[in-house]
């Protein structure tokens, strides 16, 4: 599960620092602001295309190394 995937940001809550990404193949995955590659304030906008890796987290699948596509 370490290959990069492409998806679309389903929603992201700046105040809480997390959201979900709709994958092209598979169920939606959780994304936390710490998983977004960048410096400063890290956020995502609904509808943005992103690439990411899917990993098994404590509560299920989650996105890591999230970058704008």
PDB file of N, CA and C in Angstrom:
ATOM      1  N   UNK A   1       0.811  -1.199   0.000  1.00  0.00           N
ATOM      2  CA  UNK A   1       0.000   0.000   0.000  1.00  0.00           C
ATOM      3  C   UNK A   1       0.852   1.260   0.000  1.00  0.00           C
ATOM      4  N   UNK A   2       2.093   1.198  -0.442  1.00  0.00           N
ATOM      5  CA  UNK A   2       2.954   2.368  -0.385  1.00  0.00           C
ATOM      6  C   UNK A   2       3.007   3.139  -1.696  1.00  0.00           C
ATOM      7  N   UNK A   3       2.340   2.671  -2.748  1.00  0.00           N
ATOM      8  CA  UNK A   3       2.330   3.384  -4.015  1.00  0.00           C
ATOM      9  C   UNK A   3       1.477   4.640  -3.899  1.00  0.00           C
ATOM     10  N   UNK A   4       1.881   5.690  -4.634  1.00  0.00           N
ATOM     11  CA  UNK A   4       1.117   6.940  -4.612  1.00  0.00           C
ATOM     12  C   UNK A   4      -0.188   6.784  -5.378  1.00  0.00           C
ATOM     13  N   UNK A   5      -1.209   7.429  -4.873  1.00  0.00           N
ATOM     14  CA  UNK A   5      -2.524   7.421  -5.501  1.00  0.00           C
ATOM     15  C   UNK A   5      -2.929   8.858  -5.792  1.00  0.00           C
ATOM     16  N   UNK A   6      -3.934   9.011  -6.632  1.00  0.00           N
ATOM     17  CA  UNK A   6      -4.504  10.317  -6.934  1.00  0.00           C
ATOM     18  C   UNK A   6      -5.938  10.334  -6.439  1.00  0.00           C
ATOM     19  N   UNK A   7      -6.353  11.468  -5.908  1.00  0.00           N
ATOM     20  CA  UNK A   7      -7.721  11.597  -5.433  1.00  0.00           C
ATOM     21  C   UNK A   7      -8.153  13.049  -5.408  1.00  0.00           C
ATOM     22  N   UNK A   8      -9.358  13.273  -4.884  1.00  0.00           N
ATOM     23  CA  UNK A   8      -9.942  14.606  -4.796  1.00  0.00           C
ATOM     24  C   UNK A   8     -10.342  14.873  -3.351  1.00  0.00           C
ATOM     25  N   UNK A   9     -10.037  16.072  -2.865  1.00  0.00           N
ATOM     26  CA  UNK A   9     -10.414  16.431  -1.500  1.00  0.00           C
ATOM     27  C   UNK A   9     -11.939  16.488  -1.406  1.00  0.00           C
ATOM     28  N   UNK A  10     -12.494  15.642  -0.557  1.00  0.00           N
ATOM     29  CA  UNK A  10     -13.948  15.593  -0.354  1.00  0.00           C
ATOM     30  C   UNK A  10     -14.367  16.768   0.528  1.00  0.00           C
ATOM     31  N   UNK A  11     -13.675  16.924   1.652  1.00  0.00           N
ATOM     32  CA  UNK A  11     -13.846  18.083   2.524  1.00  0.00           C
ATOM     33  C   UNK A  11     -12.654  18.167   3.462  1.00  0.00           C
ATOM     34  N   UNK A  12     -12.393  19.379   3.967  1.00  0.00           N
ATOM     35  CA  UNK A  12     -11.303  19.593   4.914  1.00  0.00           C
ATOM     36  C   UNK A  12     -11.709  20.725   5.841  1.00  0.00           C
ATOM     37  N   UNK A  13     -11.624  20.492   7.145  1.00  0.00           N
ATOM     38  CA  UNK A  13     -11.996  21.475   8.155  1.00  0.00           C
ATOM     39  C   UNK A  13     -10.723  22.119   8.694  1.00  0.00           C
ATOM     40  N   UNK A  14     -10.490  23.397   8.346  1.00  0.00           N
ATOM     41  CA  UNK A  14      -9.284  24.097   8.800  1.00  0.00           C
ATOM     42  C   UNK A  14      -9.216  24.193  10.321  1.00  0.00           C
ATOM     43  N   UNK A  15     -10.352  24.429  10.964  1.00  0.00           N
ATOM     44  CA  UNK A  15     -10.372  24.602  12.416  1.00  0.00           C
ATOM     45  C   UNK A  15      -9.969  23.323  13.141  1.00  0.00           C
ATOM     46  N   UNK A  16     -10.397  22.180  12.618  1.00  0.00           N
ATOM     47  CA  UNK A  16     -10.080  20.902  13.259  1.00  0.00           C
ATOM     48  C   UNK A  16      -8.819  20.262  12.685  1.00  0.00           C
ATOM     49  N   UNK A  17      -8.403  20.686  11.489  1.00  0.00           N
ATOM     50  CA  UNK A  17      -7.161  20.195  10.906  1.00  0.00           C
ATOM     51  C   UNK A  17      -7.240  18.824  10.265  1.00  0.00           C
ATOM     52  N   UNK A  18      -8.425  18.432   9.832  1.00  0.00           N
ATOM     53  CA  UNK A  18      -8.532  17.142   9.161  1.00  0.00           C
ATOM     54  C   UNK A  18      -9.686  17.141   8.175  1.00  0.00           C
ATOM     55  N   UNK A  19      -9.724  16.089   7.349  1.00  0.00           N
ATOM     56  CA  UNK A  19     -10.795  15.928   6.375  1.00  0.00           C
ATOM     57  C   UNK A  19     -10.692  14.572   5.715  1.00  0.00           C
ATOM     58  N   UNK A  20     -11.270  14.462   4.518  1.00  0.00           N
ATOM     59  CA  UNK A  20     -11.260  13.201   3.790  1.00  0.00           C
ATOM     60  C   UNK A  20     -10.948  13.423   2.320  1.00  0.00           C
ATOM     61  N   UNK A  21     -10.290  12.441   1.735  1.00  0.00           N
ATOM     62  CA  UNK A  21      -9.956  12.442   0.314  1.00  0.00           C
ATOM     63  C   UNK A  21     -10.708  11.294  -0.341  1.00  0.00           C
ATOM     64  N   UNK A  22     -11.364  11.582  -1.467  1.00  0.00           N
ATOM     65  CA  UNK A  22     -12.014  10.542  -2.270  1.00  0.00           C
ATOM     66  C   UNK A  22     -10.965   9.957  -3.199  1.00  0.00           C
ATOM     67  N   UNK A  23     -10.764   8.657  -3.098  1.00  0.00           N
ATOM     68  CA  UNK A  23      -9.779   7.978  -3.941  1.00  0.00           C
ATOM     69  C   UNK A  23     -10.400   7.629  -5.287  1.00  0.00           C
ATOM     70  N   UNK A  24      -9.547   7.489  -6.311  1.00  0.00           N
ATOM     71  CA  UNK A  24     -10.037   7.067  -7.618  1.00  0.00           C
ATOM     72  C   UNK A  24     -10.468   5.605  -7.576  1.00  0.00           C
ATOM     73  N   UNK A  25      -9.761   4.805  -6.780  1.00  0.00           N
ATOM     74  CA  UNK A  25     -10.076   3.378  -6.645  1.00  0.00           C
ATOM     75  C   UNK A  25     -10.031   3.006  -5.177  1.00  0.00           C
ATOM     76  N   UNK A  26     -11.191   2.892  -4.560  1.00  0.00           N
ATOM     77  CA  UNK A  26     -11.212   2.491  -3.165  1.00  0.00           C
ATOM     78  C   UNK A  26     -11.998   3.455  -2.307  1.00  0.00           C
ATOM     79  N   UNK A  27     -12.098   3.128  -1.019  1.00  0.00           N
ATOM     80  CA  UNK A  27     -12.874   3.958  -0.097  1.00  0.00           C
ATOM     81  C   UNK A  27     -12.166   5.279   0.213  1.00  0.00           C
ATOM     82  N   UNK A  28     -12.931   6.260   0.695  1.00  0.00           N
ATOM     83  CA  UNK A  28     -12.357   7.539   1.105  1.00  0.00           C
ATOM     84  C   UNK A  28     -11.332   7.300   2.213  1.00  0.00           C
ATOM     85  N   UNK A  29     -10.346   8.202   2.290  1.00  0.00           N
ATOM     86  CA  UNK A  29      -9.332   8.084   3.333  1.00  0.00           C
ATOM     87  C   UNK A  29      -9.253   9.376   4.145  1.00  0.00           C
ATOM     88  N   UNK A  30      -8.974   9.220   5.419  1.00  0.00           N
ATOM     89  CA  UNK A  30      -8.793  10.318   6.362  1.00  0.00           C
ATOM     90  C   UNK A  30      -7.495  11.046   6.044  1.00  0.00           C
ATOM     91  N   UNK A  31      -7.484  12.368   6.205  1.00  0.00           N
ATOM     92  CA  UNK A  31      -6.247  13.140   6.049  1.00  0.00           C
ATOM     93  C   UNK A  31      -6.152  14.147   7.191  1.00  0.00           C
ATOM     94  N   UNK A  32      -4.987  14.185   7.833  1.00  0.00           N
ATOM     95  CA  UNK A  32      -4.700  15.136   8.905  1.00  0.00           C
ATOM     96  C   UNK A  32      -3.747  16.185   8.352  1.00  0.00           C
ATOM     97  N   UNK A  33      -3.825  17.412   8.876  1.00  0.00           N
ATOM     98  CA  UNK A  33      -2.990  18.485   8.329  1.00  0.00           C
ATOM     99  C   UNK A  33      -1.501  18.159   8.396  1.00  0.00           C
ATOM    100  N   UNK A  34      -1.070  17.354   9.354  1.00  0.00           N
ATOM    101  CA  UNK A  34       0.352  16.988   9.454  1.00  0.00           C
ATOM    102  C   UNK A  34       0.809  16.137   8.280  1.00  0.00           C
ATOM    103  N   UNK A  35      -0.134  15.511   7.558  1.00  0.00           N
ATOM    104  CA  UNK A  35       0.211  14.657   6.417  1.00  0.00           C
ATOM    105  C   UNK A  35       0.387  15.458   5.129  1.00  0.00           C
ATOM    106  N   UNK A  36       0.078  16.767   5.172  1.00  0.00           N
ATOM    107  CA  UNK A  36       0.194  17.616   3.982  1.00  0.00           C
ATOM    108  C   UNK A  36       1.633  18.105   3.871  1.00  0.00           C
ATOM    109  N   UNK A  37       2.254  17.880   2.711  1.00  0.00           N
ATOM    110  CA  UNK A  37       3.633  18.306   2.487  1.00  0.00           C
ATOM    111  C   UNK A  37       3.652  19.817   2.297  1.00  0.00           C
ATOM    112  N   UNK A  38       4.504  20.509   3.063  1.00  0.00           N
ATOM    113  CA  UNK A  38       4.622  21.958   2.930  1.00  0.00           C
ATOM    114  C   UNK A  38       5.053  22.579   4.237  1.00  0.00           C
ATOM    115  N   UNK A  39       5.216  23.897   4.202  1.00  0.00           N
ATOM    116  CA  UNK A  39       5.594  24.632   5.399  1.00  0.00           C
ATOM    117  C   UNK A  39       4.505  25.650   5.706  1.00  0.00           C
ATOM    118  N   UNK A  40       4.508  26.150   6.928  1.00  0.00           N
ATOM    119  CA  UNK A  40       3.502  27.130   7.310  1.00  0.00           C
ATOM    120  C   UNK A  40       2.147  26.479   7.516  1.00  0.00           C
ATOM    121  N   UNK A  41       1.097  27.250   7.254  1.00  0.00           N
ATOM    122  CA  UNK A  41      -0.271  26.764   7.448  1.00  0.00           C
ATOM    123  C   UNK A  41      -0.609  25.770   6.350  1.00  0.00           C
ATOM    124  N   UNK A  42      -0.869  24.535   6.730  1.00  0.00           N
ATOM    125  CA  UNK A  42      -1.165  23.480   5.758  1.00  0.00           C
ATOM    126  C   UNK A  42      -2.656  23.193   5.754  1.00  0.00           C
ATOM    127  N   UNK A  43      -3.256  23.318   4.581  1.00  0.00           N
ATOM    128  CA  UNK A  43      -4.691  23.122   4.440  1.00  0.00           C
ATOM    129  C   UNK A  43      -4.999  22.591   3.049  1.00  0.00           C
ATOM    130  N   UNK A  44      -6.210  22.093   2.882  1.00  0.00           N
ATOM    131  CA  UNK A  44      -6.695  21.623   1.583  1.00  0.00           C
ATOM    132  C   UNK A  44      -8.057  22.246   1.331  1.00  0.00           C
ATOM    133  N   UNK A  45      -8.412  22.363   0.067  1.00  0.00           N
ATOM    134  CA  UNK A  45      -9.708  22.911  -0.319  1.00  0.00           C
ATOM    135  C   UNK A  45     -10.536  21.830  -1.001  1.00  0.00           C
ATOM    136  N   UNK A  46     -11.829  21.836  -0.750  1.00  0.00           N
ATOM    137  CA  UNK A  46     -12.734  20.888  -1.390  1.00  0.00           C
ATOM    138  C   UNK A  46     -12.566  20.944  -2.904  1.00  0.00           C
ATOM    139  N   UNK A  47     -12.448  19.769  -3.516  1.00  0.00           N
ATOM    140  CA  UNK A  47     -12.329  19.674  -4.967  1.00  0.00           C
ATOM    141  C   UNK A  47     -10.906  19.670  -5.498  1.00  0.00           C
ATOM    142  N   UNK A  48      -9.905  19.963  -4.646  1.00  0.00           N
ATOM    143  CA  UNK A  48      -8.516  19.943  -5.106  1.00  0.00           C
ATOM    144  C   UNK A  48      -8.093  18.525  -5.455  1.00  0.00           C
ATOM    145  N   UNK A  49      -7.300  18.387  -6.517  1.00  0.00           N
ATOM    146  CA  UNK A  49      -6.708  17.103  -6.885  1.00  0.00           C
ATOM    147  C   UNK A  49      -5.404  16.969  -6.109  1.00  0.00           C
ATOM    148  N   UNK A  50      -5.194  15.806  -5.513  1.00  0.00           N
ATOM    149  CA  UNK A  50      -3.999  15.559  -4.717  1.00  0.00           C
ATOM    150  C   UNK A  50      -3.420  14.181  -5.018  1.00  0.00           C
ATOM    151  N   UNK A  51      -2.136  14.026  -4.708  1.00  0.00           N
ATOM    152  CA  UNK A  51      -1.510  12.708  -4.732  1.00  0.00           C
ATOM    153  C   UNK A  51      -1.095  12.402  -3.301  1.00  0.00           C
ATOM    154  N   UNK A  52      -1.048  11.115  -2.964  1.00  0.00           N
ATOM    155  CA  UNK A  52      -0.794  10.724  -1.582  1.00  0.00           C
ATOM    156  C   UNK A  52      -0.466   9.241  -1.509  1.00  0.00           C
ATOM    157  N   UNK A  53       0.029   8.831  -0.344  1.00  0.00           N
ATOM    158  CA  UNK A  53       0.225   7.420  -0.038  1.00  0.00           C
ATOM    159  C   UNK A  53      -0.830   7.029   0.985  1.00  0.00           C
ATOM    160  N   UNK A  54      -1.313   5.799   0.903  1.00  0.00           N
ATOM    161  CA  UNK A  54      -2.296   5.296   1.864  1.00  0.00           C
ATOM    162  C   UNK A  54      -1.573   4.378   2.845  1.00  0.00           C
ATOM    163  N   UNK A  55      -1.775   4.639   4.133  1.00  0.00           N
ATOM    164  CA  UNK A  55      -1.175   3.815   5.182  1.00  0.00           C
ATOM    165  C   UNK A  55      -2.270   3.395   6.161  1.00  0.00           C
ATOM    166  N   UNK A  56      -1.987   2.351   6.921  1.00  0.00           N
ATOM    167  CA  UNK A  56      -2.918   1.890   7.953  1.00  0.00           C
ATOM    168  C   UNK A  56      -2.651   2.676   9.222  1.00  0.00           C
ATOM    169  N   UNK A  57      -3.624   3.460   9.671  1.00  0.00           N
ATOM    170  CA  UNK A  57      -3.501   4.210  10.910  1.00  0.00           C
ATOM    171  C   UNK A  57      -4.182   3.470  12.046  1.00  0.00           C
ATOM    172  N   UNK A  58      -4.224   4.090  13.222  1.00  0.00           N
ATOM    173  CA  UNK A  58      -4.853   3.469  14.386  1.00  0.00           C
ATOM    174  C   UNK A  58      -6.349   3.252  14.188  1.00  0.00           C
ATOM    175  N   UNK A  59      -6.980   4.131  13.412  1.00  0.00           N
ATOM    176  CA  UNK A  59      -8.436   4.043  13.232  1.00  0.00           C
ATOM    177  C   UNK A  59      -8.823   3.687  11.808  1.00  0.00           C
ATOM    178  N   UNK A  60      -7.888   3.173  11.028  1.00  0.00           N
ATOM    179  CA  UNK A  60      -8.198   2.803   9.646  1.00  0.00           C
ATOM    180  C   UNK A  60      -7.228   3.431   8.666  1.00  0.00           C
ATOM    181  N   UNK A  61      -7.595   3.391   7.397  1.00  0.00           N
ATOM    182  CA  UNK A  61      -6.721   3.919   6.359  1.00  0.00           C
ATOM    183  C   UNK A  61      -6.640   5.436   6.438  1.00  0.00           C
ATOM    184  N   UNK A  62      -5.430   5.952   6.190  1.00  0.00           N
ATOM    185  CA  UNK A  62      -5.257   7.395   6.171  1.00  0.00           C
ATOM    186  C   UNK A  62      -4.224   7.784   5.133  1.00  0.00           C
ATOM    187  N   UNK A  63      -4.297   9.037   4.693  1.00  0.00           N
ATOM    188  CA  UNK A  63      -3.388   9.558   3.676  1.00  0.00           C
ATOM    189  C   UNK A  63      -2.136  10.121   4.339  1.00  0.00           C
ATOM    190  N   UNK A  64      -0.995   9.928   3.693  1.00  0.00           N
ATOM    191  CA  UNK A  64       0.287  10.491   4.123  1.00  0.00           C
ATOM    192  C   UNK A  64       0.963  11.111   2.908  1.00  0.00           C
ATOM    193  N   UNK A  65       1.911  12.018   3.162  1.00  0.00           N
ATOM    194  CA  UNK A  65       2.686  12.661   2.088  1.00  0.00           C
ATOM    195  C   UNK A  65       1.764  13.256   1.021  1.00  0.00           C
ATOM    196  N   UNK A  66       0.752  14.000   1.474  1.00  0.00           N
ATOM    197  CA  UNK A  66      -0.248  14.586   0.575  1.00  0.00           C
ATOM    198  C   UNK A  66       0.335  15.811  -0.130  1.00  0.00           C
ATOM    199  N   UNK A  67       0.222  15.827  -1.461  1.00  0.00           N
ATOM    200  CA  UNK A  67       0.705  16.939  -2.281  1.00  0.00           C
ATOM    201  C   UNK A  67      -0.351  17.281  -3.320  1.00  0.00           C
ATOM    202  N   UNK A  68      -0.383  18.554  -3.737  1.00  0.00           N
ATOM    203  CA  UNK A  68      -1.286  18.939  -4.821  1.00  0.00           C
ATOM    204  C   UNK A  68      -0.842  18.249  -6.095  1.00  0.00           C
ATOM    205  N   UNK A  69      -1.807  17.772  -6.875  1.00  0.00           N
ATOM    206  CA  UNK A  69      -1.495  17.045  -8.117  1.00  0.00           C
ATOM    207  C   UNK A  69      -1.174  18.027  -9.229  1.00  0.00           C
TER     208      UNK A  69
END
